[in-house]
N, C-alpha and C. Protein backbone atom coordinates (compact mmCIF):
# COMPACT_ATOMS: atom_id res chain seq x y z
N UNK A 1 -1.27 3.83 241.82
CA UNK A 1 -0.05 4.50 242.25
C UNK A 1 -0.40 5.57 243.29
N UNK A 2 0.61 6.04 243.99
CA UNK A 2 0.40 7.14 244.92
C UNK A 2 1.69 7.94 245.02
N UNK A 3 1.54 9.23 245.36
CA UNK A 3 2.70 10.11 245.52
C UNK A 3 2.44 11.15 246.58
N UNK A 4 3.51 11.76 247.08
CA UNK A 4 3.37 12.67 248.23
C UNK A 4 3.72 14.12 247.89
N UNK A 5 3.89 14.45 246.58
CA UNK A 5 4.28 15.81 246.24
C UNK A 5 3.60 16.23 244.94
N UNK A 6 3.04 17.44 244.87
CA UNK A 6 2.37 17.90 243.64
C UNK A 6 3.32 18.10 242.47
N UNK A 7 4.62 18.13 242.73
CA UNK A 7 5.59 18.37 241.66
C UNK A 7 6.14 17.08 241.04
N UNK A 8 5.61 15.94 241.44
CA UNK A 8 6.11 14.67 240.90
C UNK A 8 5.85 14.60 239.39
N UNK A 9 6.90 14.24 238.67
CA UNK A 9 6.79 14.06 237.22
C UNK A 9 7.83 13.02 236.80
N UNK A 10 7.38 11.99 236.12
CA UNK A 10 8.29 10.94 235.70
C UNK A 10 7.76 10.32 234.41
N UNK A 11 8.51 9.36 233.89
CA UNK A 11 8.16 8.74 232.63
C UNK A 11 8.07 7.23 232.80
N UNK A 12 7.09 6.64 232.15
CA UNK A 12 7.05 5.18 232.04
C UNK A 12 7.26 4.85 230.57
N UNK A 13 7.91 3.73 230.30
CA UNK A 13 8.20 3.41 228.92
C UNK A 13 8.47 1.93 228.72
N UNK A 14 8.29 1.51 227.49
CA UNK A 14 8.66 0.17 227.06
C UNK A 14 9.88 0.29 226.15
N UNK A 15 10.78 -0.67 226.25
CA UNK A 15 11.91 -0.78 225.33
C UNK A 15 11.78 -2.09 224.58
N UNK A 16 11.98 -2.04 223.26
CA UNK A 16 11.94 -3.29 222.52
C UNK A 16 13.33 -3.91 222.47
N UNK A 17 13.41 -5.10 221.91
CA UNK A 17 14.65 -5.85 221.89
C UNK A 17 15.52 -5.43 220.71
N UNK A 18 16.77 -5.13 220.99
CA UNK A 18 17.71 -4.80 219.92
C UNK A 18 18.05 -6.08 219.18
N UNK A 19 17.75 -6.13 217.89
CA UNK A 19 18.06 -7.31 217.10
C UNK A 19 19.46 -7.20 216.52
N UNK A 20 19.83 -8.19 215.75
CA UNK A 20 21.16 -8.17 215.13
C UNK A 20 21.14 -7.49 213.77
N UNK A 21 20.00 -6.96 213.37
CA UNK A 21 19.89 -6.26 212.09
C UNK A 21 20.67 -4.95 212.16
N UNK A 22 21.47 -4.66 211.17
CA UNK A 22 22.27 -3.44 211.15
C UNK A 22 21.36 -2.21 211.25
N UNK A 23 21.72 -1.29 212.12
CA UNK A 23 20.95 -0.06 212.28
C UNK A 23 19.81 -0.15 213.27
N UNK A 24 19.61 -1.35 213.85
CA UNK A 24 18.53 -1.48 214.84
C UNK A 24 19.06 -1.08 216.21
N UNK A 25 18.14 -0.59 217.06
CA UNK A 25 18.49 -0.14 218.40
C UNK A 25 17.35 -0.51 219.35
N UNK A 26 17.57 -0.46 220.67
CA UNK A 26 16.48 -0.71 221.62
C UNK A 26 15.56 0.50 221.68
N UNK A 27 14.57 0.55 220.80
CA UNK A 27 13.69 1.71 220.67
C UNK A 27 12.76 1.84 221.86
N UNK A 28 12.43 3.10 222.20
CA UNK A 28 11.56 3.40 223.34
C UNK A 28 10.20 3.91 222.88
N UNK A 29 9.17 3.59 223.66
CA UNK A 29 7.87 4.22 223.49
C UNK A 29 7.42 4.63 224.89
N UNK A 30 7.09 5.90 225.09
CA UNK A 30 7.02 6.47 226.44
C UNK A 30 5.72 7.22 226.70
N UNK A 31 5.50 7.46 228.01
CA UNK A 31 4.33 8.21 228.46
C UNK A 31 4.73 8.96 229.73
N UNK A 32 4.39 10.25 229.79
CA UNK A 32 4.74 11.08 230.95
C UNK A 32 3.58 11.13 231.94
N UNK A 33 3.90 10.93 233.20
CA UNK A 33 2.91 11.01 234.27
C UNK A 33 3.27 12.17 235.19
N UNK A 34 2.31 13.09 235.40
CA UNK A 34 2.50 14.22 236.30
C UNK A 34 1.19 14.50 237.02
N UNK A 35 1.05 15.68 237.61
CA UNK A 35 -0.14 16.00 238.41
C UNK A 35 -1.41 16.12 237.57
N UNK A 36 -1.26 16.17 236.23
CA UNK A 36 -2.46 16.18 235.38
C UNK A 36 -3.01 14.77 235.18
N UNK A 37 -2.21 13.76 235.51
CA UNK A 37 -2.64 12.38 235.33
C UNK A 37 -3.03 11.72 236.65
N UNK A 38 -2.54 12.25 237.76
CA UNK A 38 -2.83 11.67 239.07
C UNK A 38 -2.78 12.77 240.13
N UNK A 39 -3.56 12.59 241.17
CA UNK A 39 -3.56 13.54 242.28
C UNK A 39 -2.59 13.04 243.34
N UNK A 40 -1.50 13.77 243.52
CA UNK A 40 -0.46 13.31 244.44
C UNK A 40 -0.77 13.76 245.87
N UNK A 41 -1.69 13.06 246.51
CA UNK A 41 -2.08 13.42 247.88
C UNK A 41 -1.81 12.30 248.87
N UNK A 42 -0.96 11.35 248.48
CA UNK A 42 -0.58 10.27 249.39
C UNK A 42 -1.55 9.11 249.44
N UNK A 43 -2.60 9.14 248.64
CA UNK A 43 -3.57 8.04 248.64
C UNK A 43 -3.44 7.24 247.34
N UNK A 44 -3.81 5.96 247.42
CA UNK A 44 -3.73 5.09 246.26
C UNK A 44 -4.78 5.48 245.23
N UNK A 45 -4.38 5.50 243.96
CA UNK A 45 -5.28 5.83 242.87
C UNK A 45 -5.11 4.83 241.74
N UNK A 46 -6.23 4.48 241.12
CA UNK A 46 -6.20 3.56 239.99
C UNK A 46 -6.06 4.38 238.72
N UNK A 47 -5.00 4.14 237.96
CA UNK A 47 -4.72 4.91 236.76
C UNK A 47 -4.70 3.96 235.56
N UNK A 48 -5.46 4.28 234.53
CA UNK A 48 -5.50 3.49 233.31
C UNK A 48 -4.91 4.31 232.17
N UNK A 49 -3.94 3.75 231.47
CA UNK A 49 -3.26 4.45 230.38
C UNK A 49 -3.37 3.61 229.12
N UNK A 50 -4.14 4.04 228.13
CA UNK A 50 -4.22 3.28 226.87
C UNK A 50 -2.84 3.20 226.21
N UNK A 51 -2.49 2.03 225.70
CA UNK A 51 -1.18 1.88 225.06
C UNK A 51 -1.03 2.79 223.85
N UNK A 52 -2.16 3.15 223.21
CA UNK A 52 -2.08 4.04 222.05
C UNK A 52 -1.66 5.46 222.45
N UNK A 53 -1.66 5.76 223.78
CA UNK A 53 -1.24 7.08 224.24
C UNK A 53 0.28 7.21 224.34
N UNK A 54 1.00 6.08 224.28
CA UNK A 54 2.46 6.13 224.32
C UNK A 54 3.00 6.68 223.01
N UNK A 55 4.09 7.45 223.11
CA UNK A 55 4.72 8.06 221.94
C UNK A 55 6.17 7.57 221.83
N UNK A 56 6.61 7.34 220.61
CA UNK A 56 8.00 6.93 220.41
C UNK A 56 8.95 8.06 220.79
N UNK A 57 10.02 7.71 221.50
CA UNK A 57 10.94 8.72 222.01
C UNK A 57 12.40 8.43 221.69
N UNK A 58 12.67 7.58 220.71
CA UNK A 58 14.04 7.38 220.27
C UNK A 58 14.75 6.24 220.96
N UNK A 59 16.08 6.31 221.00
CA UNK A 59 16.88 5.23 221.58
C UNK A 59 18.24 5.75 222.01
N UNK A 60 18.71 5.23 223.15
CA UNK A 60 20.07 5.50 223.62
C UNK A 60 20.83 4.19 223.53
N UNK A 61 21.83 4.14 222.67
CA UNK A 61 22.51 2.88 222.40
C UNK A 61 23.99 3.14 222.16
N UNK A 62 24.83 2.43 222.91
CA UNK A 62 26.29 2.58 222.76
C UNK A 62 26.74 4.03 222.88
N UNK A 63 26.19 4.72 223.91
CA UNK A 63 26.54 6.11 224.19
C UNK A 63 26.19 7.08 223.06
N UNK A 64 25.19 6.72 222.27
CA UNK A 64 24.74 7.56 221.16
C UNK A 64 23.22 7.68 221.19
N UNK A 65 22.71 8.90 220.96
CA UNK A 65 21.26 9.11 220.93
C UNK A 65 20.75 9.01 219.50
N UNK A 66 19.64 8.30 219.32
CA UNK A 66 19.00 8.15 218.01
C UNK A 66 17.56 8.67 218.11
N UNK A 67 17.21 9.60 217.24
CA UNK A 67 15.85 10.15 217.22
C UNK A 67 14.86 9.08 216.76
N UNK A 68 13.57 9.25 217.11
CA UNK A 68 12.57 8.25 216.71
C UNK A 68 12.53 8.05 215.20
N UNK A 69 12.40 6.78 214.80
CA UNK A 69 12.33 6.45 213.38
C UNK A 69 11.10 5.60 213.06
N UNK A 70 10.16 5.52 214.02
CA UNK A 70 8.96 4.72 213.79
C UNK A 70 9.22 3.24 213.76
N UNK A 71 10.27 2.77 214.44
CA UNK A 71 10.67 1.36 214.38
C UNK A 71 10.37 0.57 215.65
N UNK A 72 9.74 1.22 216.64
CA UNK A 72 9.42 0.48 217.86
C UNK A 72 8.52 -0.71 217.52
N UNK A 73 8.82 -1.88 218.11
CA UNK A 73 8.09 -3.11 217.79
C UNK A 73 7.42 -3.65 219.05
N UNK A 74 6.08 -3.53 219.12
CA UNK A 74 5.34 -4.04 220.27
C UNK A 74 5.49 -5.55 220.43
N UNK A 75 5.78 -6.26 219.34
CA UNK A 75 5.92 -7.71 219.41
C UNK A 75 7.26 -8.14 219.98
N UNK A 76 8.17 -7.19 220.17
CA UNK A 76 9.51 -7.53 220.65
C UNK A 76 9.86 -6.76 221.91
N UNK A 77 8.86 -6.47 222.75
CA UNK A 77 9.12 -5.72 223.99
C UNK A 77 10.08 -6.49 224.89
N UNK A 78 11.11 -5.82 225.34
CA UNK A 78 12.11 -6.43 226.22
C UNK A 78 11.83 -6.11 227.68
N UNK A 79 11.44 -4.86 227.97
CA UNK A 79 11.21 -4.51 229.38
C UNK A 79 10.37 -3.24 229.51
N UNK A 80 9.85 -3.08 230.71
CA UNK A 80 9.09 -1.91 231.10
C UNK A 80 9.91 -1.15 232.14
N UNK A 81 9.97 0.18 232.01
CA UNK A 81 10.77 0.98 232.92
C UNK A 81 9.97 2.15 233.49
N UNK A 82 10.28 2.52 234.72
CA UNK A 82 9.78 3.74 235.35
C UNK A 82 10.99 4.62 235.60
N UNK A 83 11.04 5.79 234.96
CA UNK A 83 12.26 6.58 234.90
C UNK A 83 12.01 8.01 235.37
N UNK A 84 12.93 8.53 236.19
CA UNK A 84 12.87 9.96 236.58
C UNK A 84 13.52 10.78 235.47
N UNK A 85 12.88 10.80 234.32
CA UNK A 85 13.44 11.41 233.11
C UNK A 85 13.61 12.91 233.22
N UNK A 86 12.89 13.56 234.16
CA UNK A 86 12.87 15.02 234.21
C UNK A 86 13.66 15.58 235.39
N UNK A 87 14.56 14.77 235.92
CA UNK A 87 15.38 15.22 237.04
C UNK A 87 15.20 14.33 238.26
N UNK A 88 16.15 14.41 239.17
CA UNK A 88 16.10 13.58 240.38
C UNK A 88 14.85 13.88 241.20
N UNK A 89 14.27 12.85 241.79
CA UNK A 89 13.05 13.01 242.59
C UNK A 89 13.34 13.55 243.98
N UNK A 90 14.58 13.46 244.41
CA UNK A 90 14.93 13.98 245.74
C UNK A 90 14.20 13.22 246.83
N UNK A 91 13.48 13.94 247.68
CA UNK A 91 12.78 13.30 248.81
C UNK A 91 11.35 12.88 248.43
N UNK A 92 10.93 13.13 247.21
CA UNK A 92 9.59 12.74 246.79
C UNK A 92 9.46 11.21 246.81
N UNK A 93 8.28 10.75 247.21
CA UNK A 93 8.05 9.31 247.30
C UNK A 93 6.88 8.92 246.40
N UNK A 94 7.08 7.84 245.64
CA UNK A 94 6.05 7.32 244.75
C UNK A 94 5.89 5.83 245.03
N UNK A 95 4.64 5.36 245.05
CA UNK A 95 4.37 3.95 245.25
C UNK A 95 3.62 3.36 244.07
N UNK A 96 3.90 2.09 243.76
CA UNK A 96 3.23 1.39 242.66
C UNK A 96 2.76 0.02 243.15
N UNK A 97 1.65 -0.41 242.63
CA UNK A 97 1.13 -1.73 242.99
C UNK A 97 0.26 -2.25 241.86
N UNK A 98 0.31 -3.55 241.63
CA UNK A 98 -0.54 -4.20 240.62
C UNK A 98 -0.40 -3.56 239.24
N UNK A 99 0.82 -3.47 238.75
CA UNK A 99 1.03 -2.98 237.39
C UNK A 99 0.57 -4.06 236.42
N UNK A 100 -0.35 -3.71 235.55
CA UNK A 100 -0.92 -4.68 234.62
C UNK A 100 -0.82 -4.15 233.19
N UNK A 101 -0.68 -5.06 232.23
CA UNK A 101 -0.69 -4.70 230.82
C UNK A 101 -1.77 -5.53 230.13
N UNK A 102 -2.79 -4.84 229.58
CA UNK A 102 -3.90 -5.51 228.92
C UNK A 102 -4.56 -6.57 229.81
N UNK A 103 -4.59 -6.31 231.11
CA UNK A 103 -5.27 -7.22 232.01
C UNK A 103 -4.43 -8.39 232.48
N UNK A 104 -3.16 -8.49 232.01
CA UNK A 104 -2.29 -9.57 232.43
C UNK A 104 -1.13 -9.01 233.24
N UNK A 105 -0.68 -9.71 234.29
CA UNK A 105 0.44 -9.20 235.07
C UNK A 105 1.66 -8.98 234.18
N UNK A 106 2.40 -7.92 234.48
CA UNK A 106 3.57 -7.59 233.67
C UNK A 106 4.58 -8.73 233.67
N UNK A 107 4.64 -9.49 234.78
CA UNK A 107 5.61 -10.57 234.89
C UNK A 107 5.14 -11.84 234.20
N UNK A 108 3.95 -11.83 233.62
CA UNK A 108 3.42 -13.02 232.98
C UNK A 108 4.00 -13.23 231.59
N UNK A 109 5.24 -13.71 231.52
CA UNK A 109 5.92 -13.87 230.24
C UNK A 109 5.84 -15.30 229.72
N UNK A 110 5.15 -16.19 230.46
CA UNK A 110 5.06 -17.57 230.01
C UNK A 110 4.37 -17.70 228.67
N UNK A 111 3.51 -16.74 228.33
CA UNK A 111 2.78 -16.82 227.09
C UNK A 111 3.52 -16.26 225.90
N UNK A 112 4.76 -15.84 226.09
CA UNK A 112 5.53 -15.27 224.98
C UNK A 112 5.93 -16.39 224.03
N UNK A 113 5.39 -16.39 222.83
CA UNK A 113 5.66 -17.44 221.86
C UNK A 113 5.88 -16.81 220.49
N UNK A 114 6.53 -17.54 219.61
CA UNK A 114 6.67 -17.09 218.22
C UNK A 114 5.30 -17.15 217.55
N UNK A 115 5.08 -16.30 216.57
CA UNK A 115 3.80 -16.31 215.87
C UNK A 115 3.75 -17.49 214.91
N UNK A 116 2.53 -17.85 214.49
CA UNK A 116 2.33 -19.04 213.68
C UNK A 116 3.03 -18.97 212.33
N UNK A 117 3.27 -17.76 211.80
CA UNK A 117 3.86 -17.64 210.49
C UNK A 117 5.39 -17.62 210.52
N UNK A 118 5.98 -17.75 211.70
CA UNK A 118 7.43 -17.79 211.80
C UNK A 118 7.93 -19.19 211.47
N UNK A 119 9.15 -19.27 210.93
CA UNK A 119 9.71 -20.58 210.63
C UNK A 119 10.44 -21.15 211.84
N UNK A 120 10.68 -20.33 212.87
CA UNK A 120 11.43 -20.78 214.03
C UNK A 120 10.63 -20.56 215.31
N UNK A 121 10.63 -21.57 216.17
CA UNK A 121 9.96 -21.49 217.46
C UNK A 121 10.84 -22.15 218.51
N UNK A 122 10.53 -21.89 219.78
CA UNK A 122 11.34 -22.46 220.86
C UNK A 122 10.46 -22.81 222.04
N UNK A 123 10.79 -23.91 222.71
CA UNK A 123 10.06 -24.29 223.92
C UNK A 123 10.94 -25.16 224.82
N UNK A 124 10.74 -25.23 226.12
CA UNK A 124 9.90 -24.26 226.85
C UNK A 124 10.54 -22.88 226.80
N UNK A 125 9.73 -21.86 226.89
CA UNK A 125 10.23 -20.49 226.80
C UNK A 125 9.35 -19.59 227.66
N UNK A 126 9.80 -19.23 228.86
CA UNK A 126 11.14 -19.28 229.43
C UNK A 126 11.61 -20.71 229.72
N UNK A 127 12.95 -20.87 229.84
CA UNK A 127 13.55 -22.16 230.14
C UNK A 127 14.59 -21.99 231.23
N UNK A 128 15.00 -23.11 231.81
CA UNK A 128 15.99 -23.07 232.89
C UNK A 128 17.35 -23.58 232.42
N UNK A 129 17.41 -24.83 231.95
CA UNK A 129 18.70 -25.42 231.59
C UNK A 129 18.81 -25.79 230.12
N UNK A 130 17.69 -26.09 229.48
CA UNK A 130 17.73 -26.55 228.11
C UNK A 130 16.50 -26.05 227.36
N UNK A 131 16.69 -25.68 226.09
CA UNK A 131 15.58 -25.20 225.27
C UNK A 131 15.66 -25.89 223.91
N UNK A 132 14.51 -26.29 223.39
CA UNK A 132 14.43 -26.92 222.07
C UNK A 132 14.04 -25.89 221.03
N UNK A 133 14.79 -25.84 219.96
CA UNK A 133 14.54 -24.89 218.88
C UNK A 133 14.04 -25.67 217.66
N UNK A 134 12.88 -25.30 217.18
CA UNK A 134 12.22 -25.98 216.08
C UNK A 134 12.13 -25.02 214.89
N UNK A 135 12.47 -25.49 213.69
CA UNK A 135 12.39 -24.60 212.53
C UNK A 135 12.01 -25.40 211.28
N UNK A 136 11.34 -24.73 210.37
CA UNK A 136 10.83 -25.35 209.15
C UNK A 136 11.47 -24.69 207.94
N UNK A 137 12.11 -25.48 207.10
CA UNK A 137 12.76 -24.98 205.90
C UNK A 137 11.91 -25.30 204.68
N UNK A 138 11.55 -24.27 203.91
CA UNK A 138 10.78 -24.47 202.68
C UNK A 138 11.64 -25.07 201.58
N UNK A 139 12.93 -24.72 201.60
CA UNK A 139 13.85 -25.21 200.58
C UNK A 139 15.14 -25.69 201.22
N UNK A 140 15.82 -26.60 200.54
CA UNK A 140 17.13 -27.05 201.01
C UNK A 140 18.16 -25.95 200.79
N UNK A 141 19.16 -25.91 201.65
CA UNK A 141 20.19 -24.89 201.50
C UNK A 141 21.03 -24.74 202.75
N UNK A 142 21.91 -23.75 202.72
CA UNK A 142 22.78 -23.48 203.86
C UNK A 142 21.96 -22.80 204.96
N UNK A 143 22.10 -23.30 206.19
CA UNK A 143 21.40 -22.75 207.34
C UNK A 143 22.43 -22.30 208.38
N UNK A 144 22.24 -21.08 208.87
CA UNK A 144 23.08 -20.56 209.96
C UNK A 144 22.17 -20.29 211.14
N UNK A 145 22.37 -21.01 212.23
CA UNK A 145 21.55 -20.86 213.43
C UNK A 145 22.48 -20.52 214.59
N UNK A 146 22.35 -19.31 215.14
CA UNK A 146 23.29 -18.83 216.15
C UNK A 146 22.58 -18.16 217.30
N UNK A 147 23.27 -18.09 218.44
CA UNK A 147 22.76 -17.45 219.66
C UNK A 147 23.52 -16.16 219.89
N UNK A 148 22.77 -15.08 220.20
CA UNK A 148 23.37 -13.76 220.45
C UNK A 148 22.86 -13.23 221.79
N UNK A 149 23.62 -12.32 222.41
CA UNK A 149 23.09 -11.58 223.54
C UNK A 149 22.45 -10.30 223.02
N UNK A 150 21.90 -9.48 223.92
CA UNK A 150 21.15 -8.31 223.49
C UNK A 150 22.04 -7.18 222.95
N UNK A 151 23.36 -7.32 223.10
CA UNK A 151 24.26 -6.32 222.52
C UNK A 151 24.62 -6.68 221.08
N UNK A 152 24.17 -7.85 220.62
CA UNK A 152 24.50 -8.30 219.28
C UNK A 152 25.74 -9.17 219.22
N UNK A 153 26.32 -9.50 220.38
CA UNK A 153 27.52 -10.36 220.41
C UNK A 153 27.12 -11.81 220.23
N UNK A 154 27.77 -12.48 219.26
CA UNK A 154 27.47 -13.89 219.03
C UNK A 154 28.07 -14.73 220.15
N UNK A 155 27.24 -15.58 220.75
CA UNK A 155 27.68 -16.43 221.85
C UNK A 155 28.03 -17.84 221.38
N UNK A 156 27.27 -18.33 220.42
CA UNK A 156 27.49 -19.70 219.97
C UNK A 156 26.81 -19.93 218.62
N UNK A 157 27.46 -20.68 217.74
CA UNK A 157 26.86 -21.11 216.49
C UNK A 157 26.39 -22.55 216.67
N UNK A 158 25.09 -22.78 216.54
CA UNK A 158 24.54 -24.12 216.73
C UNK A 158 24.59 -24.92 215.43
N UNK A 159 24.33 -24.25 214.31
CA UNK A 159 24.33 -24.92 213.01
C UNK A 159 24.88 -23.97 211.96
N UNK A 160 25.74 -24.48 211.12
CA UNK A 160 26.14 -23.76 209.90
C UNK A 160 26.49 -24.83 208.88
N UNK A 161 25.48 -25.28 208.16
CA UNK A 161 25.67 -26.38 207.23
C UNK A 161 24.49 -26.47 206.26
N UNK A 162 24.63 -27.34 205.25
CA UNK A 162 23.54 -27.58 204.31
C UNK A 162 22.52 -28.49 204.97
N UNK A 163 21.24 -28.13 204.83
CA UNK A 163 20.17 -28.96 205.37
C UNK A 163 19.04 -29.09 204.34
N UNK A 164 18.40 -30.24 204.36
CA UNK A 164 17.30 -30.48 203.44
C UNK A 164 16.04 -29.76 203.90
N UNK A 165 15.14 -29.51 202.96
CA UNK A 165 13.85 -28.90 203.28
C UNK A 165 13.09 -29.78 204.26
N UNK A 166 12.27 -29.14 205.09
CA UNK A 166 11.49 -29.88 206.08
C UNK A 166 11.68 -29.33 207.48
N UNK A 167 11.13 -30.04 208.45
CA UNK A 167 11.20 -29.59 209.85
C UNK A 167 12.43 -30.17 210.53
N UNK A 168 13.07 -29.30 211.33
CA UNK A 168 14.27 -29.71 212.06
C UNK A 168 14.17 -29.24 213.51
N UNK A 169 14.93 -29.90 214.37
CA UNK A 169 15.00 -29.51 215.79
C UNK A 169 16.43 -29.61 216.28
N UNK A 170 16.75 -28.73 217.22
CA UNK A 170 18.05 -28.79 217.89
C UNK A 170 17.86 -28.25 219.30
N UNK A 171 18.63 -28.75 220.23
CA UNK A 171 18.55 -28.25 221.61
C UNK A 171 19.75 -27.38 221.92
N UNK A 172 19.50 -26.37 222.74
CA UNK A 172 20.59 -25.50 223.20
C UNK A 172 20.71 -25.63 224.71
N UNK A 173 21.91 -25.99 225.16
CA UNK A 173 22.21 -26.07 226.58
C UNK A 173 23.29 -25.04 226.87
N UNK A 174 22.93 -23.88 227.42
CA UNK A 174 23.95 -22.85 227.69
C UNK A 174 25.10 -23.41 228.53
N UNK A 175 26.30 -22.98 228.20
CA UNK A 175 27.54 -23.37 228.88
C UNK A 175 28.07 -24.73 228.46
N UNK A 176 27.30 -25.52 227.70
CA UNK A 176 27.78 -26.85 227.34
C UNK A 176 29.07 -26.78 226.53
N UNK A 177 29.16 -25.80 225.62
CA UNK A 177 30.34 -25.65 224.78
C UNK A 177 30.95 -24.26 224.91
N UNK A 178 30.57 -23.54 225.97
CA UNK A 178 30.99 -22.16 226.08
C UNK A 178 31.89 -21.96 227.29
N UNK A 179 32.85 -21.05 227.13
CA UNK A 179 33.74 -20.71 228.24
C UNK A 179 33.10 -19.68 229.16
N UNK A 180 32.14 -18.89 228.61
CA UNK A 180 31.50 -17.82 229.37
C UNK A 180 30.25 -18.36 230.05
N UNK A 181 30.11 -18.06 231.33
CA UNK A 181 28.92 -18.49 232.08
C UNK A 181 27.79 -17.49 231.82
N UNK A 182 26.66 -18.00 231.40
CA UNK A 182 25.52 -17.14 231.09
C UNK A 182 24.55 -17.11 232.27
N UNK A 183 24.12 -15.91 232.62
CA UNK A 183 23.15 -15.74 233.69
C UNK A 183 21.75 -15.81 233.12
N UNK A 184 20.76 -15.72 234.00
CA UNK A 184 19.39 -15.62 233.53
C UNK A 184 19.20 -14.32 232.78
N UNK A 185 18.31 -14.32 231.81
CA UNK A 185 18.09 -13.11 231.03
C UNK A 185 17.54 -13.44 229.66
N UNK A 186 17.64 -12.49 228.75
CA UNK A 186 17.08 -12.63 227.41
C UNK A 186 18.21 -12.80 226.39
N UNK A 187 18.05 -13.81 225.55
CA UNK A 187 19.00 -14.07 224.48
C UNK A 187 18.23 -14.18 223.16
N UNK A 188 18.95 -14.06 222.06
CA UNK A 188 18.32 -14.08 220.75
C UNK A 188 18.87 -15.25 219.94
N UNK A 189 17.96 -16.03 219.36
CA UNK A 189 18.34 -17.10 218.47
C UNK A 189 17.99 -16.67 217.05
N UNK A 190 18.99 -16.57 216.19
CA UNK A 190 18.77 -16.10 214.81
C UNK A 190 19.01 -17.23 213.83
N UNK A 191 18.05 -17.40 212.91
CA UNK A 191 18.22 -18.35 211.83
C UNK A 191 18.31 -17.57 210.52
N UNK A 192 19.29 -17.90 209.71
CA UNK A 192 19.48 -17.23 208.42
C UNK A 192 19.57 -18.28 207.33
N UNK A 193 18.72 -18.14 206.32
CA UNK A 193 18.76 -19.00 205.15
C UNK A 193 18.91 -18.11 203.92
N UNK A 194 18.93 -18.71 202.76
CA UNK A 194 19.06 -17.92 201.53
C UNK A 194 17.81 -17.11 201.26
N UNK A 195 16.68 -17.45 201.92
CA UNK A 195 15.41 -16.79 201.66
C UNK A 195 15.03 -15.76 202.70
N UNK A 196 15.40 -16.00 203.95
CA UNK A 196 14.95 -15.07 205.00
C UNK A 196 15.80 -15.22 206.24
N UNK A 197 15.64 -14.23 207.13
CA UNK A 197 16.29 -14.25 208.44
C UNK A 197 15.24 -13.96 209.49
N UNK A 198 15.23 -14.75 210.57
CA UNK A 198 14.28 -14.53 211.65
C UNK A 198 15.00 -14.66 212.99
N UNK A 199 14.42 -14.00 213.99
CA UNK A 199 14.98 -14.03 215.34
C UNK A 199 13.88 -14.41 216.31
N UNK A 200 14.17 -15.31 217.24
CA UNK A 200 13.24 -15.65 218.30
C UNK A 200 13.92 -15.32 219.63
N UNK A 201 13.15 -14.73 220.54
CA UNK A 201 13.66 -14.35 221.85
C UNK A 201 13.63 -15.55 222.79
N UNK A 202 14.75 -15.84 223.44
CA UNK A 202 14.86 -16.93 224.41
C UNK A 202 15.00 -16.31 225.80
N UNK A 203 14.16 -16.72 226.72
CA UNK A 203 14.19 -16.17 228.07
C UNK A 203 14.68 -17.26 229.02
N UNK A 204 15.85 -17.04 229.60
CA UNK A 204 16.41 -18.01 230.52
C UNK A 204 16.13 -17.59 231.95
N UNK A 205 15.47 -18.44 232.69
CA UNK A 205 15.16 -18.16 234.09
C UNK A 205 16.40 -18.33 234.96
N UNK A 206 16.47 -17.56 236.03
CA UNK A 206 17.57 -17.68 236.97
C UNK A 206 17.43 -18.98 237.72
N UNK A 207 18.50 -19.78 237.75
CA UNK A 207 18.44 -21.07 238.44
C UNK A 207 18.62 -20.89 239.94
């Protein structure tokens, strides 16, 4: 990064994904960068920030502030932000290049997959027009499989019926049965059974 003023001070942060669980919010984990972290003399500098140095800073959701509750989830990161948290920058100029996380480009989301112990997975993910959702049921019972946006609004119910134990698959084609046109972005697929509830993040690429 580089900057042209000794008074530059801003915040970088990660926001996790707001799930459909009651009381959940898009929690933040943040780090402040100022003249103690970089020399703002107009030249490029390589800055390394350990992720363990980030501190939870709460959540702003639906025009309400929520203090930190230790609920930030690194496994559900939705986005990275650079924010002028301490006031407008005015004429100050800051440059960024080659932002990396753990040695991988920040935009490298192709590797985002459900963990092996989850009952629900999706591929390809990211997807363009169609995504296959795979899930494994330990017991027979009622299954509710639905798609939500990041505000928690239900967009479509894919399954709500009794299903036998075992592996199942279903495909989701956005807009096939919907009146609302969905843009590229992040959506949540939630499966609920009598035993557990899980959510998998679906990333739709802009066509």
